[in-house]
Amino acid sequence: RHRLHESYEWADGTRDNTVAASYAHNLI
């Protein structure tokens, strides 16, 4: 849900880009 609006940053500095709502539904 966080990645729907902005990228997610982990503690080590790695960033996960945003995803579309359809792709997030498919992941779940």
mmCIF file of all heavy atoms, coordinates in Angstrom:
data_MODEL
# 
_entry.id   MODEL 
# 
loop_
_atom_site.group_PDB 
_atom_site.id 
_atom_site.type_symbol 
_atom_site.label_atom_id 
_atom_site.label_alt_id 
_atom_site.label_comp_id 
_atom_site.label_asym_id 
_atom_site.label_entity_id 
_atom_site.label_seq_id 
_atom_site.pdbx_PDB_ins_code 
_atom_site.Cartn_x 
_atom_site.Cartn_y 
_atom_site.Cartn_z 
_atom_site.occupancy 
_atom_site.B_iso_or_equiv 
_atom_site.pdbx_formal_charge 
_atom_site.auth_seq_id 
_atom_site.auth_comp_id 
_atom_site.auth_asym_id 
_atom_site.auth_atom_id 
_atom_site.pdbx_PDB_model_num 
ATOM 1   N N   . ARG A 1 1  ? 0.834  -1.200  0.000   1.00 0.00 ? 1  ARG A N   1 
ATOM 2   C CA  . ARG A 1 1  ? 0.000  0.000   0.000   1.00 0.00 ? 1  ARG A CA  1 
ATOM 3   C C   . ARG A 1 1  ? 0.869  1.251   0.000   1.00 0.00 ? 1  ARG A C   1 
ATOM 4   O O   . ARG A 1 1  ? 0.527  2.251   -0.657  1.00 0.00 ? 1  ARG A O   1 
ATOM 5   C CB  . ARG A 1 1  ? -0.912 -0.011  1.229   1.00 0.00 ? 1  ARG A CB  1 
ATOM 6   C CG  . ARG A 1 1  ? -1.904 1.135   1.282   1.00 0.00 ? 1  ARG A CG  1 
ATOM 7   C CD  . ARG A 1 1  ? -2.907 0.924   2.403   1.00 0.00 ? 1  ARG A CD  1 
ATOM 8   N NE  . ARG A 1 1  ? -3.948 1.939   2.401   1.00 0.00 ? 1  ARG A NE  1 
ATOM 9   C CZ  . ARG A 1 1  ? -5.046 1.883   3.118   1.00 0.00 ? 1  ARG A CZ  1 
ATOM 10  N NH1 . ARG A 1 1  ? -5.252 0.834   3.915   1.00 0.00 ? 1  ARG A NH1 1 
ATOM 11  N NH2 . ARG A 1 1  ? -5.958 2.845   3.063   1.00 0.00 ? 1  ARG A NH2 1 
ATOM 12  N N   . HIS A 1 2  ? 1.987  1.212   0.710   1.00 0.00 ? 2  HIS A N   1 
ATOM 13  C CA  . HIS A 1 2  ? 2.910  2.349   0.704   1.00 0.00 ? 2  HIS A CA  1 
ATOM 14  C C   . HIS A 1 2  ? 3.504  2.557   -0.685  1.00 0.00 ? 2  HIS A C   1 
ATOM 15  O O   . HIS A 1 2  ? 3.679  3.698   -1.130  1.00 0.00 ? 2  HIS A O   1 
ATOM 16  C CB  . HIS A 1 2  ? 4.019  2.106   1.729   1.00 0.00 ? 2  HIS A CB  1 
ATOM 17  C CG  . HIS A 1 2  ? 4.999  3.228   1.825   1.00 0.00 ? 2  HIS A CG  1 
ATOM 18  N ND1 . HIS A 1 2  ? 4.845  4.284   2.696   1.00 0.00 ? 2  HIS A ND1 1 
ATOM 19  C CD2 . HIS A 1 2  ? 6.150  3.487   1.132   1.00 0.00 ? 2  HIS A CD2 1 
ATOM 20  C CE1 . HIS A 1 2  ? 5.854  5.121   2.556   1.00 0.00 ? 2  HIS A CE1 1 
ATOM 21  N NE2 . HIS A 1 2  ? 6.654  4.658   1.611   1.00 0.00 ? 2  HIS A NE2 1 
ATOM 22  N N   . ARG A 1 3  ? 3.784  1.453   -1.379  1.00 0.00 ? 3  ARG A N   1 
ATOM 23  C CA  . ARG A 1 3  ? 4.400  1.558   -2.703  1.00 0.00 ? 3  ARG A CA  1 
ATOM 24  C C   . ARG A 1 3  ? 3.430  2.035   -3.779  1.00 0.00 ? 3  ARG A C   1 
ATOM 25  O O   . ARG A 1 3  ? 3.855  2.341   -4.898  1.00 0.00 ? 3  ARG A O   1 
ATOM 26  C CB  . ARG A 1 3  ? 4.992  0.203   -3.108  1.00 0.00 ? 3  ARG A CB  1 
ATOM 27  C CG  . ARG A 1 3  ? 6.202  -0.208  -2.288  1.00 0.00 ? 3  ARG A CG  1 
ATOM 28  C CD  . ARG A 1 3  ? 6.774  -1.532  -2.771  1.00 0.00 ? 3  ARG A CD  1 
ATOM 29  N NE  . ARG A 1 3  ? 7.237  -1.433  -4.145  1.00 0.00 ? 3  ARG A NE  1 
ATOM 30  C CZ  . ARG A 1 3  ? 7.741  -2.464  -4.827  1.00 0.00 ? 3  ARG A CZ  1 
ATOM 31  N NH1 . ARG A 1 3  ? 7.818  -3.658  -4.240  1.00 0.00 ? 3  ARG A NH1 1 
ATOM 32  N NH2 . ARG A 1 3  ? 8.149  -2.316  -6.071  1.00 0.00 ? 3  ARG A NH2 1 
ATOM 33  N N   . LEU A 1 4  ? 2.148  2.094   -3.464  1.00 0.00 ? 4  LEU A N   1 
ATOM 34  C CA  . LEU A 1 4  ? 1.197  2.627   -4.438  1.00 0.00 ? 4  LEU A CA  1 
ATOM 35  C C   . LEU A 1 4  ? 1.402  4.115   -4.659  1.00 0.00 ? 4  LEU A C   1 
ATOM 36  O O   . LEU A 1 4  ? 1.129  4.629   -5.763  1.00 0.00 ? 4  LEU A O   1 
ATOM 37  C CB  . LEU A 1 4  ? -0.239 2.373   -3.957  1.00 0.00 ? 4  LEU A CB  1 
ATOM 38  C CG  . LEU A 1 4  ? -0.736 0.923   -3.946  1.00 0.00 ? 4  LEU A CG  1 
ATOM 39  C CD1 . LEU A 1 4  ? -2.136 0.869   -3.355  1.00 0.00 ? 4  LEU A CD1 1 
ATOM 40  C CD2 . LEU A 1 4  ? -0.723 0.329   -5.346  1.00 0.00 ? 4  LEU A CD2 1 
ATOM 41  N N   . HIS A 1 5  ? 1.866  4.819   -3.634  1.00 0.00 ? 5  HIS A N   1 
ATOM 42  C CA  . HIS A 1 5  ? 1.941  6.281   -3.691  1.00 0.00 ? 5  HIS A CA  1 
ATOM 43  C C   . HIS A 1 5  ? 3.371  6.792   -3.831  1.00 0.00 ? 5  HIS A C   1 
ATOM 44  O O   . HIS A 1 5  ? 3.602  7.828   -4.448  1.00 0.00 ? 5  HIS A O   1 
ATOM 45  C CB  . HIS A 1 5  ? 1.294  6.871   -2.441  1.00 0.00 ? 5  HIS A CB  1 
ATOM 46  C CG  . HIS A 1 5  ? -0.072 6.327   -2.168  1.00 0.00 ? 5  HIS A CG  1 
ATOM 47  N ND1 . HIS A 1 5  ? -1.180 6.662   -2.930  1.00 0.00 ? 5  HIS A ND1 1 
ATOM 48  C CD2 . HIS A 1 5  ? -0.525 5.447   -1.233  1.00 0.00 ? 5  HIS A CD2 1 
ATOM 49  C CE1 . HIS A 1 5  ? -2.247 6.039   -2.473  1.00 0.00 ? 5  HIS A CE1 1 
ATOM 50  N NE2 . HIS A 1 5  ? -1.884 5.298   -1.439  1.00 0.00 ? 5  HIS A NE2 1 
ATOM 51  N N   . GLU A 1 6  ? 4.327  6.086   -3.246  1.00 0.00 ? 6  GLU A N   1 
ATOM 52  C CA  . GLU A 1 6  ? 5.723  6.514   -3.333  1.00 0.00 ? 6  GLU A CA  1 
ATOM 53  C C   . GLU A 1 6  ? 6.630  5.302   -3.135  1.00 0.00 ? 6  GLU A C   1 
ATOM 54  O O   . GLU A 1 6  ? 6.198  4.240   -2.692  1.00 0.00 ? 6  GLU A O   1 
ATOM 55  C CB  . GLU A 1 6  ? 6.017  7.579   -2.271  1.00 0.00 ? 6  GLU A CB  1 
ATOM 56  C CG  . GLU A 1 6  ? 5.725  7.132   -0.843  1.00 0.00 ? 6  GLU A CG  1 
ATOM 57  C CD  . GLU A 1 6  ? 5.999  8.232   0.156   1.00 0.00 ? 6  GLU A CD  1 
ATOM 58  O OE1 . GLU A 1 6  ? 6.724  9.172   -0.204  1.00 0.00 ? 6  GLU A OE1 1 
ATOM 59  O OE2 . GLU A 1 6  ? 5.489  8.160   1.286   1.00 0.00 ? 6  GLU A OE2 1 
ATOM 60  N N   . SER A 1 7  ? 7.904  5.498   -3.484  1.00 0.00 ? 7  SER A N   1 
ATOM 61  C CA  . SER A 1 7  ? 8.863  4.402   -3.337  1.00 0.00 ? 7  SER A CA  1 
ATOM 62  C C   . SER A 1 7  ? 9.102  4.098   -1.853  1.00 0.00 ? 7  SER A C   1 
ATOM 63  O O   . SER A 1 7  ? 8.972  4.972   -0.996  1.00 0.00 ? 7  SER A O   1 
ATOM 64  C CB  . SER A 1 7  ? 10.181 4.762   -4.023  1.00 0.00 ? 7  SER A CB  1 
ATOM 65  O OG  . SER A 1 7  ? 10.727 5.942   -3.462  1.00 0.00 ? 7  SER A OG  1 
ATOM 66  N N   . TYR A 1 8  ? 9.469  2.858   -1.585  1.00 0.00 ? 8  TYR A N   1 
ATOM 67  C CA  . TYR A 1 8  ? 9.696  2.410   -0.208  1.00 0.00 ? 8  TYR A CA  1 
ATOM 68  C C   . TYR A 1 8  ? 11.197 2.280   0.026   1.00 0.00 ? 8  TYR A C   1 
ATOM 69  O O   . TYR A 1 8  ? 11.911 1.645   -0.764  1.00 0.00 ? 8  TYR A O   1 
ATOM 70  C CB  . TYR A 1 8  ? 9.016  1.062   0.027   1.00 0.00 ? 8  TYR A CB  1 
ATOM 71  C CG  . TYR A 1 8  ? 9.051  0.587   1.456   1.00 0.00 ? 8  TYR A CG  1 
ATOM 72  C CD1 . TYR A 1 8  ? 8.041  0.933   2.346   1.00 0.00 ? 8  TYR A CD1 1 
ATOM 73  C CD2 . TYR A 1 8  ? 10.092 -0.199  1.925   1.00 0.00 ? 8  TYR A CD2 1 
ATOM 74  C CE1 . TYR A 1 8  ? 8.055  0.504   3.664   1.00 0.00 ? 8  TYR A CE1 1 
ATOM 75  C CE2 . TYR A 1 8  ? 10.123 -0.643  3.236   1.00 0.00 ? 8  TYR A CE2 1 
ATOM 76  C CZ  . TYR A 1 8  ? 9.106  -0.291  4.097   1.00 0.00 ? 8  TYR A CZ  1 
ATOM 77  O OH  . TYR A 1 8  ? 9.136  -0.722  5.405   1.00 0.00 ? 8  TYR A OH  1 
ATOM 78  N N   . GLU A 1 9  ? 11.693 2.886   1.095   1.00 0.00 ? 9  GLU A N   1 
ATOM 79  C CA  . GLU A 1 9  ? 13.119 2.855   1.393   1.00 0.00 ? 9  GLU A CA  1 
ATOM 80  C C   . GLU A 1 9  ? 13.366 1.954   2.609   1.00 0.00 ? 9  GLU A C   1 
ATOM 81  O O   . GLU A 1 9  ? 12.765 2.125   3.670   1.00 0.00 ? 9  GLU A O   1 
ATOM 82  C CB  . GLU A 1 9  ? 13.638 4.259   1.690   1.00 0.00 ? 9  GLU A CB  1 
ATOM 83  C CG  . GLU A 1 9  ? 15.150 4.297   1.913   1.00 0.00 ? 9  GLU A CG  1 
ATOM 84  C CD  . GLU A 1 9  ? 15.674 5.712   2.085   1.00 0.00 ? 9  GLU A CD  1 
ATOM 85  O OE1 . GLU A 1 9  ? 14.844 6.654   1.992   1.00 0.00 ? 9  GLU A OE1 1 
ATOM 86  O OE2 . GLU A 1 9  ? 16.887 5.873   2.294   1.00 0.00 ? 9  GLU A OE2 1 
ATOM 87  N N   . TRP A 1 10 ? 14.293 0.995   2.432   1.00 0.00 ? 10 TRP A N   1 
ATOM 88  C CA  . TRP A 1 10 ? 14.656 0.082   3.509   1.00 0.00 ? 10 TRP A CA  1 
ATOM 89  C C   . TRP A 1 10 ? 15.752 0.696   4.387   1.00 0.00 ? 10 TRP A C   1 
ATOM 90  O O   . TRP A 1 10 ? 16.289 1.758   4.057   1.00 0.00 ? 10 TRP A O   1 
ATOM 91  C CB  . TRP A 1 10 ? 15.140 -1.255  2.935   1.00 0.00 ? 10 TRP A CB  1 
ATOM 92  C CG  . TRP A 1 10 ? 14.065 -2.011  2.223   1.00 0.00 ? 10 TRP A CG  1 
ATOM 93  C CD1 . TRP A 1 10 ? 13.825 -2.009  0.878   1.00 0.00 ? 10 TRP A CD1 1 
ATOM 94  C CD2 . TRP A 1 10 ? 13.080 -2.861  2.802   1.00 0.00 ? 10 TRP A CD2 1 
ATOM 95  N NE1 . TRP A 1 10 ? 12.758 -2.808  0.575   1.00 0.00 ? 10 TRP A NE1 1 
ATOM 96  C CE2 . TRP A 1 10 ? 12.277 -3.357  1.738   1.00 0.00 ? 10 TRP A CE2 1 
ATOM 97  C CE3 . TRP A 1 10 ? 12.790 -3.255  4.106   1.00 0.00 ? 10 TRP A CE3 1 
ATOM 98  C CZ2 . TRP A 1 10 ? 11.218 -4.228  1.950   1.00 0.00 ? 10 TRP A CZ2 1 
ATOM 99  C CZ3 . TRP A 1 10 ? 11.732 -4.129  4.317   1.00 0.00 ? 10 TRP A CZ3 1 
ATOM 100 C CH2 . TRP A 1 10 ? 10.963 -4.603  3.263   1.00 0.00 ? 10 TRP A CH2 1 
ATOM 101 N N   . ALA A 1 11 ? 16.059 0.030   5.461   1.00 0.00 ? 11 ALA A N   1 
ATOM 102 C CA  . ALA A 1 11 ? 17.042 0.554   6.408   1.00 0.00 ? 11 ALA A CA  1 
ATOM 103 C C   . ALA A 1 11 ? 18.435 0.655   5.795   1.00 0.00 ? 11 ALA A C   1 
ATOM 104 O O   . ALA A 1 11 ? 19.234 1.515   6.177   1.00 0.00 ? 11 ALA A O   1 
ATOM 105 C CB  . ALA A 1 11 ? 17.081 -0.321  7.660   1.00 0.00 ? 11 ALA A CB  1 
ATOM 106 N N   . ASP A 1 12 ? 18.756 -0.227  4.837   1.00 0.00 ? 12 ASP A N   1 
ATOM 107 C CA  . ASP A 1 12 ? 20.080 -0.202  4.209   1.00 0.00 ? 12 ASP A CA  1 
ATOM 108 C C   . ASP A 1 12 ? 20.175 0.789   3.061   1.00 0.00 ? 12 ASP A C   1 
ATOM 109 O O   . ASP A 1 12 ? 21.196 0.840   2.363   1.00 0.00 ? 12 ASP A O   1 
ATOM 110 C CB  . ASP A 1 12 ? 20.457 -1.599  3.722   1.00 0.00 ? 12 ASP A CB  1 
ATOM 111 C CG  . ASP A 1 12 ? 19.444 -2.150  2.726   1.00 0.00 ? 12 ASP A CG  1 
ATOM 112 O OD1 . ASP A 1 12 ? 18.440 -1.459  2.434   1.00 0.00 ? 12 ASP A OD1 1 
ATOM 113 O OD2 . ASP A 1 12 ? 19.647 -3.280  2.229   1.00 0.00 ? 12 ASP A OD2 1 
ATOM 114 N N   . GLY A 1 13 ? 19.117 1.560   2.830   1.00 0.00 ? 13 GLY A N   1 
ATOM 115 C CA  . GLY A 1 13 ? 19.127 2.560   1.766   1.00 0.00 ? 13 GLY A CA  1 
ATOM 116 C C   . GLY A 1 13 ? 18.553 2.089   0.449   1.00 0.00 ? 13 GLY A C   1 
ATOM 117 O O   . GLY A 1 13 ? 18.422 2.892   -0.491  1.00 0.00 ? 13 GLY A O   1 
ATOM 118 N N   . THR A 1 14 ? 18.214 0.808   0.344   1.00 0.00 ? 14 THR A N   1 
ATOM 119 C CA  . THR A 1 14 ? 17.643 0.283   -0.888  1.00 0.00 ? 14 THR A CA  1 
ATOM 120 C C   . THR A 1 14 ? 16.225 0.805   -1.069  1.00 0.00 ? 14 THR A C   1 
ATOM 121 O O   . THR A 1 14 ? 15.442 0.872   -0.106  1.00 0.00 ? 14 THR A O   1 
ATOM 122 C CB  . THR A 1 14 ? 17.621 -1.253  -0.865  1.00 0.00 ? 14 THR A CB  1 
ATOM 123 O OG1 . THR A 1 14 ? 18.945 -1.732  -0.607  1.00 0.00 ? 14 THR A OG1 1 
ATOM 124 C CG2 . THR A 1 14 ? 17.135 -1.813  -2.190  1.00 0.00 ? 14 THR A CG2 1 
ATOM 125 N N   . ARG A 1 15 ? 15.894 1.152   -2.303  1.00 0.00 ? 15 ARG A N   1 
ATOM 126 C CA  . ARG A 1 15 ? 14.561 1.693   -2.598  1.00 0.00 ? 15 ARG A CA  1 
ATOM 127 C C   . ARG A 1 15 ? 13.799 0.749   -3.527  1.00 0.00 ? 15 ARG A C   1 
ATOM 128 O O   . ARG A 1 15 ? 14.357 0.248   -4.497  1.00 0.00 ? 15 ARG A O   1 
ATOM 129 C CB  . ARG A 1 15 ? 14.665 3.073   -3.265  1.00 0.00 ? 15 ARG A CB  1 
ATOM 130 C CG  . ARG A 1 15 ? 14.938 4.194   -2.285  1.00 0.00 ? 15 ARG A CG  1 
ATOM 131 C CD  . ARG A 1 15 ? 14.899 5.543   -2.985  1.00 0.00 ? 15 ARG A CD  1 
ATOM 132 N NE  . ARG A 1 15 ? 14.930 6.638   -2.034  1.00 0.00 ? 15 ARG A NE  1 
ATOM 133 C CZ  . ARG A 1 15 ? 13.868 7.163   -1.451  1.00 0.00 ? 15 ARG A CZ  1 
ATOM 134 N NH1 . ARG A 1 15 ? 12.667 6.689   -1.742  1.00 0.00 ? 15 ARG A NH1 1 
ATOM 135 N NH2 . ARG A 1 15 ? 13.989 8.165   -0.586  1.00 0.00 ? 15 ARG A NH2 1 
ATOM 136 N N   . ASP A 1 16 ? 12.546 0.543   -3.197  1.00 0.00 ? 16 ASP A N   1 
ATOM 137 C CA  . ASP A 1 16 ? 11.630 -0.205  -4.062  1.00 0.00 ? 16 ASP A CA  1 
ATOM 138 C C   . ASP A 1 16 ? 10.694 0.783   -4.732  1.00 0.00 ? 16 ASP A C   1 
ATOM 139 O O   . ASP A 1 16 ? 10.040 1.593   -4.066  1.00 0.00 ? 16 ASP A O   1 
ATOM 140 C CB  . ASP A 1 16 ? 10.823 -1.223  -3.249  1.00 0.00 ? 16 ASP A CB  1 
ATOM 141 C CG  . ASP A 1 16 ? 11.692 -2.345  -2.707  1.00 0.00 ? 16 ASP A CG  1 
ATOM 142 O OD1 . ASP A 1 16 ? 12.784 -2.560  -3.264  1.00 0.00 ? 16 ASP A OD1 1 
ATOM 143 O OD2 . ASP A 1 16 ? 11.272 -3.009  -1.737  1.00 0.00 ? 16 ASP A OD2 1 
ATOM 144 N N   . ASN A 1 17 ? 10.626 0.716   -6.062  1.00 0.00 ? 17 ASN A N   1 
ATOM 145 C CA  . ASN A 1 17 ? 9.842  1.686   -6.822  1.00 0.00 ? 17 ASN A CA  1 
ATOM 146 C C   . ASN A 1 17 ? 8.343  1.504   -6.603  1.00 0.00 ? 17 ASN A C   1 
ATOM 147 O O   . ASN A 1 17 ? 7.883  0.489   -6.069  1.00 0.00 ? 17 ASN A O   1 
ATOM 148 C CB  . ASN A 1 17 ? 10.173 1.558   -8.309  1.00 0.00 ? 17 ASN A CB  1 
ATOM 149 C CG  . ASN A 1 17 ? 11.620 1.894   -8.601  1.00 0.00 ? 17 ASN A CG  1 
ATOM 150 O OD1 . ASN A 1 17 ? 12.216 2.720   -7.914  1.00 0.00 ? 17 ASN A OD1 1 
ATOM 151 N ND2 . ASN A 1 17 ? 12.191 1.249   -9.612  1.00 0.00 ? 17 ASN A ND2 1 
ATOM 152 N N   . THR A 1 18 ? 7.598  2.488   -7.033  1.00 0.00 ? 18 THR A N   1 
ATOM 153 C CA  . THR A 1 18 ? 6.142  2.430   -6.909  1.00 0.00 ? 18 THR A CA  1 
ATOM 154 C C   . THR A 1 18 ? 5.570  1.370   -7.847  1.00 0.00 ? 18 THR A C   1 
ATOM 155 O O   . THR A 1 18 ? 6.187  1.017   -8.859  1.00 0.00 ? 18 THR A O   1 
ATOM 156 C CB  . THR A 1 18 ? 5.522  3.798   -7.239  1.00 0.00 ? 18 THR A CB  1 
ATOM 157 O OG1 . THR A 1 18 ? 5.908  4.172   -8.581  1.00 0.00 ? 18 THR A OG1 1 
ATOM 158 C CG2 . THR A 1 18 ? 5.993  4.854   -6.260  1.00 0.00 ? 18 THR A CG2 1 
ATOM 159 N N   . VAL A 1 19 ? 4.388  0.876   -7.506  1.00 0.00 ? 19 VAL A N   1 
ATOM 160 C CA  . VAL A 1 19 ? 3.716  -0.139  -8.312  1.00 0.00 ? 19 VAL A CA  1 
ATOM 161 C C   . VAL A 1 19 ? 2.292  0.324   -8.594  1.00 0.00 ? 19 VAL A C   1 
ATOM 162 O O   . VAL A 1 19 ? 1.733  1.157   -7.875  1.00 0.00 ? 19 VAL A O   1 
ATOM 163 C CB  . VAL A 1 19 ? 3.689  -1.504  -7.594  1.00 0.00 ? 19 VAL A CB  1 
ATOM 164 C CG1 . VAL A 1 19 ? 5.085  -2.063  -7.424  1.00 0.00 ? 19 VAL A CG1 1 
ATOM 165 C CG2 . VAL A 1 19 ? 2.977  -1.401  -6.250  1.00 0.00 ? 19 VAL A CG2 1 
ATOM 166 N N   . ALA A 1 20 ? 1.716  -0.212  -9.659  1.00 0.00 ? 20 ALA A N   1 
ATOM 167 C CA  . ALA A 1 20 ? 0.328  0.098   -9.999  1.00 0.00 ? 20 ALA A CA  1 
ATOM 168 C C   . ALA A 1 20 ? -0.613 -0.702  -9.103  1.00 0.00 ? 20 ALA A C   1 
ATOM 169 O O   . ALA A 1 20 ? -0.246 -1.738  -8.544  1.00 0.00 ? 20 ALA A O   1 
ATOM 170 C CB  . ALA A 1 20 ? 0.065  -0.230  -11.466 1.00 0.00 ? 20 ALA A CB  1 
ATOM 171 N N   . ALA A 1 21 ? -1.827 -0.215  -8.981  1.00 0.00 ? 21 ALA A N   1 
ATOM 172 C CA  . ALA A 1 21 ? -2.809 -0.896  -8.134  1.00 0.00 ? 21 ALA A CA  1 
ATOM 173 C C   . ALA A 1 21 ? -3.111 -2.296  -8.653  1.00 0.00 ? 21 ALA A C   1 
ATOM 174 O O   . ALA A 1 21 ? -3.279 -3.238  -7.863  1.00 0.00 ? 21 ALA A O   1 
ATOM 175 C CB  . ALA A 1 21 ? -4.097 -0.071  -8.062  1.00 0.00 ? 21 ALA A CB  1 
ATOM 176 N N   . SER A 1 22 ? -3.163 -2.442  -9.974  1.00 0.00 ? 22 SER A N   1 
ATOM 177 C CA  . SER A 1 22 ? -3.450 -3.765  -10.540 1.00 0.00 ? 22 SER A CA  1 
ATOM 178 C C   . SER A 1 22 ? -2.335 -4.756  -10.215 1.00 0.00 ? 22 SER A C   1 
ATOM 179 O O   . SER A 1 22 ? -2.599 -5.922  -9.883  1.00 0.00 ? 22 SER A O   1 
ATOM 180 C CB  . SER A 1 22 ? -3.627 -3.650  -12.056 1.00 0.00 ? 22 SER A CB  1 
ATOM 181 O OG  . SER A 1 22 ? -2.466 -3.094  -12.657 1.00 0.00 ? 22 SER A OG  1 
ATOM 182 N N   . TYR A 1 23 ? -1.075 -4.292  -10.287 1.00 0.00 ? 23 TYR A N   1 
ATOM 183 C CA  . TYR A 1 23 ? 0.047  -5.186  -9.987  1.00 0.00 ? 23 TYR A CA  1 
ATOM 184 C C   . TYR A 1 23 ? 0.083  -5.535  -8.501  1.00 0.00 ? 23 TYR A C   1 
ATOM 185 O O   . TYR A 1 23 ? 0.377  -6.678  -8.126  1.00 0.00 ? 23 TYR A O   1 
ATOM 186 C CB  . TYR A 1 23 ? 1.358  -4.540  -10.412 1.00 0.00 ? 23 TYR A CB  1 
ATOM 187 C CG  . TYR A 1 23 ? 2.570  -5.425  -10.223 1.00 0.00 ? 23 TYR A CG  1 
ATOM 188 C CD1 . TYR A 1 23 ? 2.645  -6.667  -10.852 1.00 0.00 ? 23 TYR A CD1 1 
ATOM 189 C CD2 . TYR A 1 23 ? 3.628  -5.025  -9.420  1.00 0.00 ? 23 TYR A CD2 1 
ATOM 190 C CE1 . TYR A 1 23 ? 3.751  -7.480  -10.688 1.00 0.00 ? 23 TYR A CE1 1 
ATOM 191 C CE2 . TYR A 1 23 ? 4.738  -5.840  -9.248  1.00 0.00 ? 23 TYR A CE2 1 
ATOM 192 C CZ  . TYR A 1 23 ? 4.790  -7.058  -9.888  1.00 0.00 ? 23 TYR A CZ  1 
ATOM 193 O OH  . TYR A 1 23 ? 5.887  -7.878  -9.720  1.00 0.00 ? 23 TYR A OH  1 
ATOM 194 N N   . ALA A 1 24 ? -0.233 -4.576  -7.641  1.00 0.00 ? 24 ALA A N   1 
ATOM 195 C CA  . ALA A 1 24 ? -0.270 -4.855  -6.207  1.00 0.00 ? 24 ALA A CA  1 
ATOM 196 C C   . ALA A 1 24 ? -1.357 -5.879  -5.885  1.00 0.00 ? 24 ALA A C   1 
ATOM 197 O O   . ALA A 1 24 ? -1.161 -6.769  -5.042  1.00 0.00 ? 24 ALA A O   1 
ATOM 198 C CB  . ALA A 1 24 ? -0.509 -3.563  -5.430  1.00 0.00 ? 24 ALA A CB  1 
ATOM 199 N N   . HIS A 1 25 ? -2.499 -5.782  -6.550  1.00 0.00 ? 25 HIS A N   1 
ATOM 200 C CA  . HIS A 1 25 ? -3.555 -6.786  -6.386  1.00 0.00 ? 25 HIS A CA  1 
ATOM 201 C C   . HIS A 1 25 ? -3.050 -8.157  -6.808  1.00 0.00 ? 25 HIS A C   1 
ATOM 202 O O   . HIS A 1 25 ? -3.321 -9.165  -6.138  1.00 0.00 ? 25 HIS A O   1 
ATOM 203 C CB  . HIS A 1 25 ? -4.781 -6.399  -7.216  1.00 0.00 ? 25 HIS A CB  1 
ATOM 204 C CG  . HIS A 1 25 ? -5.729 -5.492  -6.502  1.00 0.00 ? 25 HIS A CG  1 
ATOM 205 N ND1 . HIS A 1 25 ? -6.889 -5.946  -5.919  1.00 0.00 ? 25 HIS A ND1 1 
ATOM 206 C CD2 . HIS A 1 25 ? -5.696 -4.157  -6.276  1.00 0.00 ? 25 HIS A CD2 1 
ATOM 207 C CE1 . HIS A 1 25 ? -7.537 -4.932  -5.365  1.00 0.00 ? 25 HIS A CE1 1 
ATOM 208 N NE2 . HIS A 1 25 ? -6.834 -3.829  -5.582  1.00 0.00 ? 25 HIS A NE2 1 
ATOM 209 N N   . ASN A 1 26 ? -2.325 -8.211  -7.916  1.00 0.00 ? 26 ASN A N   1 
ATOM 210 C CA  . ASN A 1 26 ? -1.808 -9.495  -8.391  1.00 0.00 ? 26 ASN A CA  1 
ATOM 211 C C   . ASN A 1 26 ? -0.782 -10.071 -7.420  1.00 0.00 ? 26 ASN A C   1 
ATOM 212 O O   . ASN A 1 26 ? -0.727 -11.293 -7.214  1.00 0.00 ? 26 ASN A O   1 
ATOM 213 C CB  . ASN A 1 26 ? -1.179 -9.329  -9.773  1.00 0.00 ? 26 ASN A CB  1 
ATOM 214 C CG  . ASN A 1 26 ? -2.207 -9.050  -10.843 1.00 0.00 ? 26 ASN A CG  1 
ATOM 215 O OD1 . ASN A 1 26 ? -3.380 -9.378  -10.688 1.00 0.00 ? 26 ASN A OD1 1 
ATOM 216 N ND2 . ASN A 1 26 ? -1.777 -8.440  -11.929 1.00 0.00 ? 26 ASN A ND2 1 
ATOM 217 N N   . LEU A 1 27 ? 0.050  -9.219  -6.823  1.00 0.00 ? 27 LEU A N   1 
ATOM 218 C CA  . LEU A 1 27 ? 1.044  -9.698  -5.860  1.00 0.00 ? 27 LEU A CA  1 
ATOM 219 C C   . LEU A 1 27 ? 0.377  -10.324 -4.640  1.00 0.00 ? 27 LEU A C   1 
ATOM 220 O O   . LEU A 1 27 ? 0.810  -11.379 -4.145  1.00 0.00 ? 27 LEU A O   1 
ATOM 221 C CB  . LEU A 1 27 ? 1.956  -8.545  -5.429  1.00 0.00 ? 27 LEU A CB  1 
ATOM 222 C CG  . LEU A 1 27 ? 2.920  -7.995  -6.476  1.00 0.00 ? 27 LEU A CG  1 
ATOM 223 C CD1 . LEU A 1 27 ? 3.677  -6.797  -5.923  1.00 0.00 ? 27 LEU A CD1 1 
ATOM 224 C CD2 . LEU A 1 27 ? 3.905  -9.067  -6.928  1.00 0.00 ? 27 LEU A CD2 1 
ATOM 225 N N   . ILE A 1 28 ? -0.684 -9.693  -4.143  1.00 0.00 ? 28 ILE A N   1 
ATOM 226 C CA  . ILE A 1 28 ? -1.392 -10.240 -2.985  1.00 0.00 ? 28 ILE A CA  1 
ATOM 227 C C   . ILE A 1 28 ? -2.125 -11.525 -3.377  1.00 0.00 ? 28 ILE A C   1 
ATOM 228 O O   . ILE A 1 28 ? -2.169 -12.496 -2.602  1.00 0.00 ? 28 ILE A O   1 
ATOM 229 C CB  . ILE A 1 28 ? -2.362 -9.199  -2.412  1.00 0.00 ? 28 ILE A CB  1 
ATOM 230 C CG1 . ILE A 1 28 ? -1.572 -8.033  -1.815  1.00 0.00 ? 28 ILE A CG1 1 
ATOM 231 C CG2 . ILE A 1 28 ? -3.268 -9.822  -1.354  1.00 0.00 ? 28 ILE A CG2 1 
ATOM 232 C CD1 . ILE A 1 28 ? -2.436 -6.926  -1.251  1.00 0.00 ? 28 ILE A CD1 1 
# 
